[in-house]
């Protein structure tokens, strides 16, 4: 998708690298309660990249990055809600457990049953909220990875193009491959083909064999190139 994308300059590359560094790597172990803050840092980095006038060009996949960031923020919001509810549930469970062990519950079997039922309900909801929060964590990790992959794909494409250009320059420099030498080689190949055709025609018609023309010299090819440039 990005193979034809060219970064206009090193400013863009530096901005992409800076954004990538803000995105957690797949191997990074992040506490569940720390994920919202990390998601906020990624959101800020992506929005800074998008707002950069030196990077915001038609060739840059802004829509894809913004779409990934939007999905990231949705999961961040859901995780914040689940973490807040988990915190409240933990407080409610601790209070109910304290009441269950109290003297009033011990002397009142009916109240004790109500507290036990409440505890069961609170613990079930806590399990459900924890499961949802863990699902949010996996979704956030997926978004982190997709954002990193998008940026790395662009950087990799730019590095590939640069490496190929450098190799071509090295080839022309070290092997002394020039336009003149290429024209000389092509002229020699054409002369050889023409000679072979003439020899075949003359041989078939019973005529003599045409003399072999001397191969074009390097200076001759150079003169031809100048005249036809």
Protein backbone atom coordinates (compact mmCIF):
# COMPACT_ATOMS: atom_id res chain seq x y z
CA UNK A 1 0.00 0.00 0.00
CA UNK A 2 2.86 2.40 0.76
CA UNK A 3 5.48 1.07 -1.67
CA UNK A 4 5.24 4.19 -3.86
CA UNK A 5 5.29 6.60 -0.94
CA UNK A 6 8.32 8.90 -0.73
CA UNK A 7 9.22 10.95 2.31
CA UNK A 8 10.08 14.48 1.17
CA UNK A 9 12.88 14.96 3.72
CA UNK A 10 14.61 13.97 6.92
CA UNK A 11 12.23 16.16 8.92
CA UNK A 12 9.44 13.75 8.09
CA UNK A 13 11.52 10.72 8.95
CA UNK A 14 12.48 12.21 12.32
CA UNK A 15 8.82 12.99 13.07
CA UNK A 16 7.79 9.44 12.22
CA UNK A 17 10.52 7.95 14.39
CA UNK A 18 9.57 10.24 17.29
CA UNK A 19 5.95 9.11 17.00
CA UNK A 20 6.91 5.45 16.81
CA UNK A 21 8.98 5.77 19.99
CA UNK A 22 5.85 6.86 21.88
CA UNK A 23 3.99 3.69 20.87
CA UNK A 24 4.57 0.72 23.20
CA UNK A 25 6.29 -2.27 21.60
CA UNK A 26 4.42 -5.62 21.60
CA UNK A 27 6.96 -7.05 24.06
CA UNK A 28 6.49 -4.21 26.55
CA UNK A 29 4.65 -5.28 29.70
CA UNK A 30 2.31 -2.52 30.86
CA UNK A 31 0.21 -2.63 34.01
CA UNK A 32 -3.52 -2.57 33.39
CA UNK A 33 -3.95 0.65 35.37
CA UNK A 34 -1.13 2.34 33.39
CA UNK A 35 -2.61 1.61 29.96
CA UNK A 36 -4.94 4.65 29.79
CA UNK A 37 -1.99 7.01 30.30
CA UNK A 38 0.06 5.24 27.64
CA UNK A 39 -2.88 5.42 25.25
CA UNK A 40 -3.12 9.16 25.91
CA UNK A 41 0.58 9.58 25.09
CA UNK A 42 0.12 7.72 21.80
CA UNK A 43 -2.93 9.83 20.97
CA UNK A 44 -0.95 13.01 21.61
CA UNK A 45 1.96 11.79 19.48
CA UNK A 46 -0.29 10.87 16.53
CA UNK A 47 -2.18 14.17 16.67
CA UNK A 48 1.13 16.07 16.83
CA UNK A 49 2.34 14.18 13.77
CA UNK A 50 -0.86 14.91 11.86
CA UNK A 51 -0.73 18.60 12.78
CA UNK A 52 2.91 18.97 11.66
CA UNK A 53 2.81 21.06 8.42
CA UNK A 54 6.07 19.47 7.25
CA UNK A 55 4.55 15.98 7.42
CA UNK A 56 0.90 16.55 6.53
CA UNK A 57 1.14 15.86 2.79
CA UNK A 58 -1.18 14.15 0.34
CA UNK A 59 1.05 11.09 0.19
CA UNK A 60 0.98 10.47 3.93
CA UNK A 61 -1.61 7.94 5.21
CA UNK A 62 -3.21 10.37 7.65
CA UNK A 63 -6.66 8.82 7.45
CA UNK A 64 -5.38 5.39 8.39
CA UNK A 65 -3.42 6.69 11.36
CA UNK A 66 -6.33 8.84 12.54
CA UNK A 67 -8.68 5.86 12.20
CA UNK A 68 -6.36 3.67 14.26
CA UNK A 69 -6.00 6.43 16.85
CA UNK A 70 -9.78 6.89 17.05
CA UNK A 71 -10.25 3.17 17.72
CA UNK A 72 -7.47 3.38 20.31
CA UNK A 73 -9.27 6.17 22.17
CA UNK A 74 -12.55 4.25 22.17
CA UNK A 75 -10.84 1.31 23.86
CA UNK A 76 -9.08 3.69 26.25
CA UNK A 77 -12.44 5.19 27.28
CA UNK A 78 -13.97 1.75 27.81
CA UNK A 79 -10.98 0.67 29.90
CA UNK A 80 -11.20 3.79 32.07
CA UNK A 81 -14.89 3.07 32.73
CA UNK A 82 -14.19 -0.55 33.63
CA UNK A 83 -11.27 0.36 35.89
CA UNK A 84 -13.35 2.97 37.69
CA UNK A 85 -16.14 0.48 38.23
CA UNK A 86 -13.67 -2.15 39.44
CA UNK A 87 -12.31 0.29 41.98
CA UNK A 88 -15.81 1.03 43.27
CA UNK A 89 -16.69 -2.66 43.39
CA UNK A 90 -13.59 -3.44 45.42
CA UNK A 91 -14.62 -0.80 47.97
CA UNK A 92 -18.19 -2.11 48.08
CA UNK A 93 -17.00 -5.70 48.52
CA UNK A 94 -14.63 -4.71 51.32
CA UNK A 95 -17.44 -2.86 53.11
CA UNK A 96 -19.89 -5.77 52.70
CA UNK A 97 -17.34 -8.24 54.00
CA UNK A 98 -16.77 -6.02 57.02
CA UNK A 99 -20.52 -5.83 57.69
CA UNK A 100 -20.84 -9.59 57.30
CA UNK A 101 -18.29 -10.12 60.04
CA UNK A 102 -19.94 -7.58 62.32
CA UNK A 103 -21.99 -8.26 65.38
CA UNK A 104 -25.27 -7.06 63.84
CA UNK A 105 -25.08 -9.58 61.00
CA UNK A 106 -24.20 -12.33 63.45
CA UNK A 107 -27.30 -11.57 65.54
CA UNK A 108 -29.62 -11.08 62.57
CA UNK A 109 -29.73 -14.08 60.22
CA UNK A 110 -31.96 -12.27 57.72
CA UNK A 111 -29.56 -9.38 57.36
CA UNK A 112 -26.68 -11.80 57.09
CA UNK A 113 -28.37 -13.48 54.13
CA UNK A 114 -28.93 -10.11 52.46
CA UNK A 115 -25.26 -9.21 52.85
CA UNK A 116 -24.19 -12.59 51.51
CA UNK A 117 -26.43 -12.18 48.46
CA UNK A 118 -25.04 -8.67 47.91
CA UNK A 119 -21.48 -9.98 48.16
CA UNK A 120 -22.21 -12.69 45.61
CA UNK A 121 -23.64 -10.13 43.18
CA UNK A 122 -20.74 -7.70 43.69
CA UNK A 123 -18.16 -10.43 43.14
CA UNK A 124 -19.88 -11.59 39.95
CA UNK A 125 -19.93 -8.07 38.59
CA UNK A 126 -16.28 -7.59 39.52
CA UNK A 127 -15.37 -10.76 37.56
CA UNK A 128 -17.31 -9.49 34.54
CA UNK A 129 -15.70 -6.04 34.74
CA UNK A 130 -12.25 -7.53 35.09
CA UNK A 131 -12.83 -9.71 32.05
CA UNK A 132 -13.98 -6.69 30.08
CA UNK A 133 -10.95 -4.69 31.21
CA UNK A 134 -8.62 -7.47 30.08
CA UNK A 135 -10.36 -7.48 26.71
CA UNK A 136 -9.79 -3.70 26.53
CA UNK A 137 -6.10 -4.28 27.24
CA UNK A 138 -5.79 -6.74 24.36
CA UNK A 139 -7.63 -4.36 22.05
CA UNK A 140 -5.28 -1.53 23.04
CA UNK A 141 -2.25 -3.72 22.42
CA UNK A 142 -3.61 -4.50 18.97
CA UNK A 143 -4.05 -0.82 18.19
CA UNK A 144 -0.55 -0.05 19.46
CA UNK A 145 0.86 -2.74 17.16
CA UNK A 146 -1.11 -1.54 14.14
CA UNK A 147 0.03 2.05 14.61
CA UNK A 148 3.67 0.93 14.96
CA UNK A 149 3.37 -1.30 11.90
CA UNK A 150 1.91 1.53 9.84
CA UNK A 151 4.76 3.86 10.74
CA UNK A 152 7.44 1.17 10.31
CA UNK A 153 6.01 0.22 6.91
CA UNK A 154 6.46 3.80 5.71
CA UNK A 155 9.96 4.04 7.17
CA UNK A 156 10.91 0.68 5.67
CA UNK A 157 9.67 1.76 2.26
CA UNK A 158 11.76 4.93 2.47
CA UNK A 159 14.84 2.95 3.56
CA UNK A 160 14.41 0.49 0.68
CA UNK A 161 14.21 3.28 -1.87
CA UNK A 162 17.27 4.98 -0.40
CA UNK A 163 19.27 1.75 -0.30
CA UNK A 164 18.48 0.99 -3.95
CA UNK A 165 19.53 4.48 -5.01
CA UNK A 166 22.77 4.18 -3.06
CA UNK A 167 23.53 0.82 -4.64
CA UNK A 168 23.00 2.21 -8.12
CA UNK A 169 25.28 5.15 -7.40
CA UNK A 170 27.94 2.79 -6.03
CA UNK A 171 27.67 0.58 -9.11
CA UNK A 172 28.13 3.48 -11.50
CA UNK A 173 30.99 4.89 -9.43
CA UNK A 174 32.98 1.73 -8.70
CA UNK A 175 32.44 -0.07 -12.01
CA UNK A 176 32.89 3.10 -14.10
CA UNK A 177 29.61 2.46 -15.86
CA UNK A 178 28.83 5.56 -17.93
CA UNK A 179 26.41 6.43 -20.69
CA UNK A 180 29.25 6.41 -23.22
CA UNK A 181 30.42 2.92 -22.31
CA UNK A 182 26.84 1.64 -22.49
CA UNK A 183 26.41 3.19 -25.95
CA UNK A 184 29.69 1.64 -27.07
CA UNK A 185 28.54 -1.80 -25.94
CA UNK A 186 25.17 -1.37 -27.65
CA UNK A 187 26.83 -0.21 -30.89
CA UNK A 188 29.08 -3.26 -30.86
CA UNK A 189 26.08 -5.56 -30.34
CA UNK A 190 24.17 -3.93 -33.22
CA UNK A 191 27.20 -4.16 -35.52
CA UNK A 192 27.59 -7.84 -34.70
CA UNK A 193 23.91 -8.53 -35.44
CA UNK A 194 24.07 -6.62 -38.77
CA UNK A 195 27.24 -8.48 -39.74
CA UNK A 196 25.60 -11.83 -38.99
CA UNK A 197 22.56 -10.96 -41.12
CA UNK A 198 24.70 -9.80 -44.04
CA UNK A 199 26.84 -12.90 -43.87
CA UNK A 200 23.76 -15.13 -43.88
CA UNK A 201 22.20 -13.30 -46.87
CA UNK A 202 25.40 -13.22 -48.90
CA UNK A 203 26.15 -16.82 -48.08
CA UNK A 204 22.70 -17.90 -49.29
CA UNK A 205 22.96 -15.92 -52.55
CA UNK A 206 26.36 -17.29 -53.35
CA UNK A 207 28.09 -13.97 -53.05
CA UNK A 208 31.30 -13.20 -51.22
CA UNK A 209 31.51 -12.56 -47.55
CA UNK A 210 31.45 -8.91 -46.55
CA UNK A 211 34.51 -7.70 -44.62
CA UNK A 212 34.11 -7.44 -40.88
CA UNK A 213 33.65 -3.80 -39.88
CA UNK A 214 35.83 -2.54 -37.08
CA UNK A 215 33.91 -2.17 -33.80
CA UNK A 216 33.07 1.40 -32.87
CA UNK A 217 35.59 3.10 -30.66
CA UNK A 218 34.76 4.70 -27.31
CA UNK A 219 35.41 8.20 -28.73
CA UNK A 220 33.19 7.46 -31.74
CA UNK A 221 30.32 6.55 -29.47
CA UNK A 222 30.94 9.71 -27.51
CA UNK A 223 30.77 11.84 -30.68
CA UNK A 224 27.57 10.09 -31.69
CA UNK A 225 26.05 10.74 -28.28
CA UNK A 226 26.95 14.44 -28.45
CA UNK A 227 25.47 14.82 -31.94
CA UNK A 228 22.24 13.13 -30.96
CA UNK A 229 21.82 14.77 -27.55
